[in-house]
């Protein structure tokens, strides 16, 4: 009888030990599961934020085919882009063979007009910059007319000085349009940039893609959400800074810096007049046409680049 009692106690002790081991295992698995779930949430949030356009470290990536070495995209008409420099994969922090200049020198590509060639206009622009928005509001349609008349060629170098990451996202969207639907690049850039004239309008990534689809029938949604050309936007911005560009809009007509951006029309028409006289080709019927009121006076967002550099971007709205 004593032996049977001892055997029962031993069996009970073993069952208790097994139960304790099972509880420890379940507790360990629960803790591991919590950690794994937390990691999944963190990774998921990171991916969500990056694909939403609100963050991410974009230093290496593709450049659009139409881009030149300074990150510019050149229009030969309102619907045609010049051939690019086949940059391929770029490193925003190491532009490699791209030319840079010293203080006081003109940026690369800013050169005197070649004989027989129309004036070349270079605009350093930023879709987060209110003065850039005012410039496009005033001149966008005229730029298109002058382009289509063969009076000028126009190059945009899209920067992210004033309101990153919004400026980066819009520069990416412009590059997406240049790649996917180049015939709409000038119109799309002008529309998005002009919306910022009020100093507050910001499009989410979804809205940037929707605008391209609804207005132009262009599907750039994946390119926008993936940030395909965000590194390219940084590349262009870094080169501009190295070349002494400190604010937007900064404009050159051939090798002439436009001191008052809102007076760019007068500078362009003067250059067109010289081109017509030299070439004997009448590209504009009336060079001294009335440009209308283009107030406010020309300014650039040099101080705003510092004031708004920490602007938060909430991505999709």
Protein backbone atom coordinates (compact mmCIF):
# COMPACT_ATOMS: atom_id res chain seq x y z
CA UNK A 1 0.00 0.00 0.00
CA UNK A 2 2.82 2.39 0.89
CA UNK A 3 4.47 1.59 -2.44
CA UNK A 4 1.29 2.44 -4.36
CA UNK A 5 1.00 5.76 -2.54
CA UNK A 6 4.63 6.61 -3.32
CA UNK A 7 4.10 5.76 -6.99
CA UNK A 8 1.06 8.02 -7.17
CA UNK A 9 2.96 10.90 -5.61
CA UNK A 10 5.84 10.43 -8.08
CA UNK A 11 3.43 10.43 -11.00
CA UNK A 12 1.76 13.61 -9.70
CA UNK A 13 5.15 15.28 -9.32
CA UNK A 14 6.07 14.41 -12.90
CA UNK A 15 2.75 15.73 -14.21
CA UNK A 16 3.32 18.96 -12.30
CA UNK A 17 6.83 19.30 -13.79
CA UNK A 18 5.48 18.71 -17.31
CA UNK A 19 2.78 21.32 -16.75
CA UNK A 20 5.38 23.86 -15.53
CA UNK A 21 7.57 23.19 -18.59
CA UNK A 22 4.57 23.68 -20.90
CA UNK A 23 3.72 26.97 -19.19
CA UNK A 24 7.33 28.21 -19.52
CA UNK A 25 7.38 27.26 -23.21
CA UNK A 26 4.07 29.00 -23.85
CA UNK A 27 5.31 32.10 -22.00
CA UNK A 28 8.52 32.14 -24.06
CA UNK A 29 6.61 31.71 -27.32
CA UNK A 30 4.27 34.51 -26.31
CA UNK A 31 7.18 36.87 -25.63
CA UNK A 32 8.83 35.94 -28.93
CA UNK A 33 5.53 36.46 -30.73
CA UNK A 34 5.15 39.92 -29.21
CA UNK A 35 8.68 40.88 -30.31
CA UNK A 36 8.11 39.54 -33.83
CA UNK A 37 4.79 41.37 -34.08
CA UNK A 38 6.43 44.59 -32.92
CA UNK A 39 9.14 44.20 -35.56
CA UNK A 40 6.54 43.56 -38.24
CA UNK A 41 4.68 46.70 -37.19
CA UNK A 42 7.86 48.79 -37.24
CA UNK A 43 8.91 47.47 -40.66
CA UNK A 44 5.38 47.90 -41.98
CA UNK A 45 5.19 51.48 -40.74
CA UNK A 46 8.58 52.22 -42.27
CA UNK A 47 7.51 50.85 -45.64
CA UNK A 48 4.19 52.68 -45.38
CA UNK A 49 5.89 56.00 -44.64
CA UNK A 50 8.43 55.58 -47.42
CA UNK A 51 5.93 54.50 -50.07
CA UNK A 52 3.63 57.27 -48.89
CA UNK A 53 6.42 59.69 -49.61
CA UNK A 54 6.93 61.05 -46.15
CA UNK A 55 10.44 59.87 -45.48
CA UNK A 56 13.28 57.63 -46.48
CA UNK A 57 16.91 58.03 -47.32
CA UNK A 58 17.09 58.52 -51.06
CA UNK A 59 20.73 58.73 -52.10
CA UNK A 60 21.01 56.20 -54.92
CA UNK A 61 18.63 55.52 -57.76
CA UNK A 62 17.71 56.09 -61.37
CA UNK A 63 17.75 59.30 -63.37
CA UNK A 64 15.12 59.95 -66.04
CA UNK A 65 16.35 59.47 -69.59
CA UNK A 66 15.81 63.15 -70.45
CA UNK A 67 18.01 64.48 -67.63
CA UNK A 68 21.32 66.20 -68.29
CA UNK A 69 24.37 66.10 -66.03
CA UNK A 70 23.14 69.01 -63.91
CA UNK A 71 19.75 67.40 -63.35
CA UNK A 72 18.07 69.69 -65.86
CA UNK A 73 15.32 68.65 -68.27
CA UNK A 74 15.27 70.69 -71.48
CA UNK A 75 12.14 71.53 -73.45
CA UNK A 76 12.44 72.24 -77.17
CA UNK A 77 8.69 72.80 -77.42
CA UNK A 78 5.89 72.68 -74.87
CA UNK A 79 5.47 68.96 -75.65
CA UNK A 80 8.98 67.82 -76.60
CA UNK A 81 12.06 67.16 -74.50
CA UNK A 82 15.66 67.27 -75.65
CA UNK A 83 17.72 64.12 -75.44
CA UNK A 84 19.32 63.57 -72.05
CA UNK A 85 22.81 62.49 -71.04
CA UNK A 86 21.96 58.87 -70.14
CA UNK A 87 22.93 59.26 -66.50
CA UNK A 88 21.55 55.85 -65.54
CA UNK A 89 22.10 55.06 -61.86
CA UNK A 90 23.21 58.08 -59.86
CA UNK A 91 24.55 58.68 -56.37
CA UNK A 92 23.19 61.92 -54.97
CA UNK A 93 26.07 62.22 -52.52
CA UNK A 94 28.77 61.55 -55.12
CA UNK A 95 27.94 63.12 -58.51
CA UNK A 96 31.15 61.73 -59.99
CA UNK A 97 32.18 63.38 -63.25
CA UNK A 98 29.48 66.05 -63.12
CA UNK A 99 31.04 69.49 -63.36
CA UNK A 100 30.98 71.88 -60.42
CA UNK A 101 32.21 75.47 -60.27
CA UNK A 102 33.66 77.90 -57.78
CA UNK A 103 31.95 80.80 -56.04
CA UNK A 104 31.00 83.62 -58.39
CA UNK A 105 31.18 81.49 -61.54
CA UNK A 106 28.18 80.64 -63.66
CA UNK A 107 26.68 77.17 -63.18
CA UNK A 108 27.40 74.57 -65.88
CA UNK A 109 25.18 74.97 -68.91
CA UNK A 110 24.75 78.71 -68.32
CA UNK A 111 26.52 80.00 -71.41
CA UNK A 112 26.32 82.76 -74.02
CA UNK A 113 23.86 82.06 -76.80
CA UNK A 114 25.38 80.29 -79.76
CA UNK A 115 25.06 82.05 -83.11
CA UNK A 116 21.91 81.01 -84.88
CA UNK A 117 20.41 79.39 -81.79
CA UNK A 118 17.39 80.72 -79.88
CA UNK A 119 17.86 81.93 -76.29
CA UNK A 120 18.16 79.21 -73.69
CA UNK A 121 16.33 79.83 -70.42
CA UNK A 122 17.34 77.93 -67.27
CA UNK A 123 15.04 78.01 -64.26
CA UNK A 124 16.08 76.61 -60.89
CA UNK A 125 12.65 75.91 -59.46
CA UNK A 126 11.08 74.34 -56.39
CA UNK A 127 7.43 73.30 -56.28
CA UNK A 128 7.42 74.06 -52.56
CA UNK A 129 8.45 77.66 -53.23
CA UNK A 130 5.62 80.26 -53.29
CA UNK A 131 7.59 82.63 -55.54
CA UNK A 132 8.09 79.79 -58.02
CA UNK A 133 4.34 79.29 -57.90
CA UNK A 134 3.77 82.97 -58.65
CA UNK A 135 6.26 82.80 -61.52
CA UNK A 136 4.48 79.84 -63.12
CA UNK A 137 1.07 81.44 -62.54
CA UNK A 138 2.21 84.53 -64.43
CA UNK A 139 4.37 83.01 -67.18
CA UNK A 140 3.45 79.37 -67.70
CA UNK A 141 1.27 79.91 -70.77
CA UNK A 142 3.75 82.40 -72.24
CA UNK A 143 6.60 79.93 -71.78
CA UNK A 144 4.55 77.40 -73.74
CA UNK A 145 3.82 79.91 -76.51
CA UNK A 146 7.46 80.98 -76.82
CA UNK A 147 8.60 77.36 -76.86
CA UNK A 148 6.16 76.40 -79.59
CA UNK A 149 7.14 79.47 -81.63
CA UNK A 150 10.78 78.37 -81.50
CA UNK A 151 11.69 81.59 -79.70
CA UNK A 152 13.37 79.85 -76.74
CA UNK A 153 14.42 76.56 -75.29
CA UNK A 154 13.59 76.09 -71.62
CA UNK A 155 15.36 74.02 -68.98
CA UNK A 156 13.97 73.26 -65.53
CA UNK A 157 16.25 72.16 -62.71
CA UNK A 158 13.89 71.05 -59.95
CA UNK A 159 15.26 71.49 -56.42
CA UNK A 160 14.16 70.75 -52.87
CA UNK A 161 15.29 73.86 -51.02
CA UNK A 162 12.19 75.32 -49.44
CA UNK A 163 9.81 72.65 -48.17
CA UNK A 164 11.29 69.16 -48.06
CA UNK A 165 10.01 66.48 -48.25
CA UNK A 166 7.18 68.05 -50.29
CA UNK A 167 9.69 69.59 -52.69
CA UNK A 168 11.40 66.21 -53.11
CA UNK A 169 8.13 64.44 -53.77
CA UNK A 170 7.04 66.92 -56.42
CA UNK A 171 10.47 66.91 -58.10
CA UNK A 172 10.16 63.12 -58.21
CA UNK A 173 6.70 63.41 -59.76
CA UNK A 174 8.01 65.81 -62.42
CA UNK A 175 10.75 63.34 -63.31
CA UNK A 176 8.14 60.57 -63.44
CA UNK A 177 6.14 62.60 -65.95
CA UNK A 178 9.26 63.37 -68.01
CA UNK A 179 9.89 59.63 -68.23
CA UNK A 180 6.35 58.31 -68.68
CA UNK A 181 4.59 61.11 -70.58
CA UNK A 182 7.16 63.71 -71.71
CA UNK A 183 4.61 65.53 -73.87
CA UNK A 184 2.86 66.65 -70.67
CA UNK A 185 5.94 67.47 -68.59
CA UNK A 186 5.81 71.26 -68.99
CA UNK A 187 2.08 71.52 -68.36
CA UNK A 188 2.19 69.21 -65.34
CA UNK A 189 5.16 70.98 -63.74
CA UNK A 190 3.53 74.36 -64.26
CA UNK A 191 0.18 73.27 -62.85
CA UNK A 192 1.64 71.70 -59.71
CA UNK A 193 4.09 74.54 -59.09
CA UNK A 194 1.49 77.27 -59.63
CA UNK A 195 -0.72 75.70 -56.96
CA UNK A 196 1.92 76.70 -54.39
CA UNK A 197 1.50 80.41 -55.16
CA UNK A 198 -0.74 80.71 -52.11
CA UNK A 199 2.14 79.51 -49.90
CA UNK A 200 0.24 76.59 -48.42
CA UNK A 201 -1.10 74.14 -51.01
CA UNK A 202 0.54 70.73 -50.93
CA UNK A 203 -0.44 67.69 -52.95
CA UNK A 204 -0.14 64.24 -51.45
CA UNK A 205 1.47 61.48 -53.49
CA UNK A 206 -1.98 60.11 -54.29
CA UNK A 207 -3.10 63.55 -55.45
CA UNK A 208 0.01 64.03 -57.60
CA UNK A 209 -0.70 60.72 -59.33
CA UNK A 210 -4.41 61.47 -59.62
CA UNK A 211 -3.69 64.86 -61.19
CA UNK A 212 -1.49 63.21 -63.81
CA UNK A 213 -4.15 60.58 -64.56
CA UNK A 214 -7.16 62.87 -64.69
CA UNK A 215 -5.60 65.81 -66.53
CA UNK A 216 -3.23 64.00 -68.87
CA UNK A 217 -4.16 60.31 -68.88
CA UNK A 218 -0.69 59.48 -67.56
CA UNK A 219 -0.20 56.67 -65.04
CA UNK A 220 2.71 57.65 -62.81
CA UNK A 221 1.25 56.22 -59.60
CA UNK A 222 3.89 53.53 -59.01
CA UNK A 223 6.73 55.89 -59.90
CA UNK A 224 5.40 58.49 -57.47
CA UNK A 225 4.65 56.14 -54.57
CA UNK A 226 7.96 54.28 -54.98
CA UNK A 227 9.97 57.51 -55.05
CA UNK A 228 11.74 56.25 -58.18
CA UNK A 229 13.49 59.58 -58.82
CA UNK A 230 13.83 60.91 -55.27
CA UNK A 231 17.60 60.31 -55.38
CA UNK A 232 17.70 62.19 -58.68
CA UNK A 233 15.94 65.12 -57.00
CA UNK A 234 18.63 65.13 -54.31
CA UNK A 235 21.35 64.87 -56.95
CA UNK A 236 20.03 67.97 -58.72
CA UNK A 237 19.70 69.87 -55.45
CA UNK A 238 23.20 68.99 -54.26
CA UNK A 239 24.76 70.07 -57.56
CA UNK A 240 22.84 73.35 -57.49
CA UNK A 241 24.16 74.07 -54.00
CA UNK A 242 27.71 73.25 -55.07
CA UNK A 243 27.29 75.66 -57.97
CA UNK A 244 26.28 78.60 -55.80
CA UNK A 245 22.51 78.44 -56.16
CA UNK A 246 21.00 79.46 -52.85
CA UNK A 247 17.38 80.25 -53.65
CA UNK A 248 14.50 79.67 -56.02
CA UNK A 249 13.47 80.76 -58.53
CA UNK A 250 16.92 81.49 -59.91
CA UNK A 251 16.77 82.20 -63.63
CA UNK A 252 19.32 82.63 -66.40
CA UNK A 253 18.61 83.71 -69.97
CA UNK A 254 21.68 82.46 -71.80
CA UNK A 255 24.51 83.79 -69.60
CA UNK A 256 22.45 86.64 -68.10
CA UNK A 257 21.21 86.26 -64.54
CA UNK A 258 17.67 87.60 -64.14
CA UNK A 259 17.83 89.86 -61.10
CA UNK A 260 14.06 90.14 -60.66
CA UNK A 261 12.43 86.79 -61.53
CA UNK A 262 9.03 88.32 -62.26
CA UNK A 263 10.70 90.48 -64.93
CA UNK A 264 11.98 87.43 -66.78
CA UNK A 265 9.61 88.10 -69.68
CA UNK A 266 11.33 91.38 -70.50
CA UNK A 267 14.75 89.73 -70.40
CA UNK A 268 13.58 86.87 -72.61
CA UNK A 269 11.97 89.16 -75.19
CA UNK A 270 15.11 91.29 -75.37
CA UNK A 271 17.15 88.14 -76.06
CA UNK A 272 14.59 86.97 -78.64
CA UNK A 273 14.81 90.35 -80.36
CA UNK A 274 18.59 90.00 -80.65
CA UNK A 275 18.19 86.45 -81.95
CA UNK A 276 15.69 87.55 -84.60
CA UNK A 277 17.87 90.42 -85.73
CA UNK A 278 20.89 88.14 -85.99
CA UNK A 279 19.17 85.23 -87.71
CA UNK A 280 16.71 87.17 -89.82
CA UNK A 281 14.03 84.77 -88.61
CA UNK A 282 10.81 86.26 -87.28
CA UNK A 283 9.70 83.82 -84.58
CA UNK A 284 7.48 86.24 -82.68
CA UNK A 285 5.23 88.73 -84.46
CA UNK A 286 5.65 91.40 -81.82
CA UNK A 287 8.64 91.14 -79.50
CA UNK A 288 7.58 94.19 -77.53
CA UNK A 289 4.16 92.70 -76.74
CA UNK A 290 2.48 93.76 -73.52
CA UNK A 291 3.30 91.18 -70.86
CA UNK A 292 0.48 92.37 -68.62
CA UNK A 293 0.80 92.75 -64.89
CA UNK A 294 3.08 90.14 -63.37
CA UNK A 295 3.25 91.52 -59.82
CA UNK A 296 4.47 90.87 -57.19
CA UNK A 297 7.97 92.13 -57.75
CA UNK A 298 10.49 89.42 -58.45
CA UNK A 299 11.83 87.66 -55.40
CA UNK A 300 13.39 84.33 -54.60
CA UNK A 301 12.96 81.99 -51.67
CA UNK A 302 16.49 82.22 -50.34
CA UNK A 303 15.44 82.91 -46.76
CA UNK A 304 12.43 80.61 -46.95
CA UNK A 305 14.76 77.73 -47.75
CA UNK A 306 16.07 78.09 -44.21
CA UNK A 307 12.77 79.02 -42.56
CA UNK A 308 10.78 76.10 -43.94
CA UNK A 309 13.47 73.42 -44.19
CA UNK A 310 11.97 71.61 -41.24
CA UNK A 311 8.44 71.61 -42.66
CA UNK A 312 6.68 68.38 -41.75
CA UNK A 313 4.99 66.46 -44.51
CA UNK A 314 2.07 64.27 -43.68
CA UNK A 315 2.14 62.37 -46.95
CA UNK A 316 -1.30 61.32 -48.12
CA UNK A 317 -4.00 63.75 -47.09
